[in-house]
């Protein structure tokens, strides 16, 4: 199966919610990194310009939600 990045993040968040661990929402991600909720949503859905900073944030988010 081939998932989009946003789908994979959502699956991890749903898994975390089922297990009762953080992060279980995009709000938890925003609070952890000190970012705005709309910006986190845009990052996850790929609506932010591709840059070194964007890629670094996505790597940090992936680690935080448990993708890697």
C-alpha atoms as a PDB file:
ATOM      1  CA  UNK A   1       0.000   0.000   0.000  1.00  0.00           C
ATOM      2  CA  UNK A   2       1.158   3.473  -0.770  1.00  0.00           C
ATOM      3  CA  UNK A   3      -0.002   6.231   1.588  1.00  0.00           C
ATOM      4  CA  UNK A   4       0.331   9.931   1.258  1.00  0.00           C
ATOM      5  CA  UNK A   5       2.292  11.649   4.011  1.00  0.00           C
ATOM      6  CA  UNK A   6      -0.818  13.271   5.483  1.00  0.00           C
ATOM      7  CA  UNK A   7      -2.636   9.925   5.560  1.00  0.00           C
ATOM      8  CA  UNK A   8       0.287   8.291   7.356  1.00  0.00           C
ATOM      9  CA  UNK A   9       0.364  11.068   9.968  1.00  0.00           C
ATOM     10  CA  UNK A  10      -3.393  10.750  10.523  1.00  0.00           C
ATOM     11  CA  UNK A  11      -3.070   6.984  10.972  1.00  0.00           C
ATOM     12  CA  UNK A  12      -0.335   7.494  13.573  1.00  0.00           C
ATOM     13  CA  UNK A  13      -2.423  10.091  15.405  1.00  0.00           C
ATOM     14  CA  UNK A  14      -5.453   7.771  15.439  1.00  0.00           C
ATOM     15  CA  UNK A  15      -3.290   4.921  16.719  1.00  0.00           C
ATOM     16  CA  UNK A  16      -1.907   7.156  19.479  1.00  0.00           C
ATOM     17  CA  UNK A  17      -5.411   8.262  20.440  1.00  0.00           C
ATOM     18  CA  UNK A  18      -6.574   4.650  20.654  1.00  0.00           C
ATOM     19  CA  UNK A  19      -3.567   3.830  22.857  1.00  0.00           C
ATOM     20  CA  UNK A  20      -4.092   6.937  24.984  1.00  0.00           C
ATOM     21  CA  UNK A  21      -0.670   8.468  24.270  1.00  0.00           C
ATOM     22  CA  UNK A  22       0.399  11.876  23.018  1.00  0.00           C
ATOM     23  CA  UNK A  23       0.370  13.207  20.366  1.00  0.00           C
ATOM     24  CA  UNK A  24      -3.125  12.226  19.415  1.00  0.00           C
ATOM     25  CA  UNK A  25      -4.030  15.344  17.429  1.00  0.00           C
ATOM     26  CA  UNK A  26      -2.577  18.098  15.302  1.00  0.00           C
ATOM     27  CA  UNK A  27      -3.149  20.414  18.264  1.00  0.00           C
ATOM     28  CA  UNK A  28      -0.771  18.301  20.351  1.00  0.00           C
ATOM     29  CA  UNK A  29       1.854  18.640  17.617  1.00  0.00           C
ATOM     30  CA  UNK A  30       1.361  22.413  17.444  1.00  0.00           C
ATOM     31  CA  UNK A  31       1.647  22.768  21.220  1.00  0.00           C
ATOM     32  CA  UNK A  32       4.776  20.598  21.394  1.00  0.00           C
ATOM     33  CA  UNK A  33       6.660  22.555  18.734  1.00  0.00           C
ATOM     34  CA  UNK A  34       5.218  25.981  19.566  1.00  0.00           C
ATOM     35  CA  UNK A  35       3.587  26.353  16.160  1.00  0.00           C
ATOM     36  CA  UNK A  36       0.146  27.556  15.194  1.00  0.00           C
ATOM     37  CA  UNK A  37      -2.514  24.930  14.541  1.00  0.00           C
ATOM     38  CA  UNK A  38      -3.235  26.141  10.979  1.00  0.00           C
ATOM     39  CA  UNK A  39       0.495  26.034  10.142  1.00  0.00           C
ATOM     40  CA  UNK A  40       0.779  22.438  11.371  1.00  0.00           C
ATOM     41  CA  UNK A  41      -2.214  21.508   9.230  1.00  0.00           C
ATOM     42  CA  UNK A  42      -0.634  23.163   6.193  1.00  0.00           C
ATOM     43  CA  UNK A  43       2.674  21.393   6.859  1.00  0.00           C
ATOM     44  CA  UNK A  44       1.054  17.988   7.118  1.00  0.00           C
ATOM     45  CA  UNK A  45      -1.097  18.491   4.026  1.00  0.00           C
ATOM     46  CA  UNK A  46       1.800  19.821   1.919  1.00  0.00           C
ATOM     47  CA  UNK A  47       0.539  23.368   1.439  1.00  0.00           C
ATOM     48  CA  UNK A  48       3.803  24.994   2.555  1.00  0.00           C
ATOM     49  CA  UNK A  49       6.681  25.939   0.278  1.00  0.00           C
ATOM     50  CA  UNK A  50       9.345  23.254   0.114  1.00  0.00           C
ATOM     51  CA  UNK A  51      12.453  24.452   1.931  1.00  0.00           C
ATOM     52  CA  UNK A  52      15.132  23.110   4.250  1.00  0.00           C
ATOM     53  CA  UNK A  53      13.163  24.355   7.263  1.00  0.00           C
ATOM     54  CA  UNK A  54       9.956  22.702   6.048  1.00  0.00           C
ATOM     55  CA  UNK A  55      11.671  19.351   5.493  1.00  0.00           C
ATOM     56  CA  UNK A  56      13.333  19.575   8.923  1.00  0.00           C
ATOM     57  CA  UNK A  57       9.995  20.269  10.616  1.00  0.00           C
ATOM     58  CA  UNK A  58       8.381  17.330   8.814  1.00  0.00           C
ATOM     59  CA  UNK A  59      11.166  15.014   9.981  1.00  0.00           C
ATOM     60  CA  UNK A  60      10.670  16.241  13.562  1.00  0.00           C
ATOM     61  CA  UNK A  61       6.900  15.746  13.306  1.00  0.00           C
ATOM     62  CA  UNK A  62       7.351  12.223  11.920  1.00  0.00           C
ATOM     63  CA  UNK A  63       9.603  11.298  14.838  1.00  0.00           C
ATOM     64  CA  UNK A  64       7.219  12.856  17.360  1.00  0.00           C
ATOM     65  CA  UNK A  65       4.151  10.977  16.138  1.00  0.00           C
ATOM     66  CA  UNK A  66       6.066   7.704  15.910  1.00  0.00           C
ATOM     67  CA  UNK A  67       6.400   7.153  12.175  1.00  0.00           C
ATOM     68  CA  UNK A  68      10.096   6.280  12.400  1.00  0.00           C
END
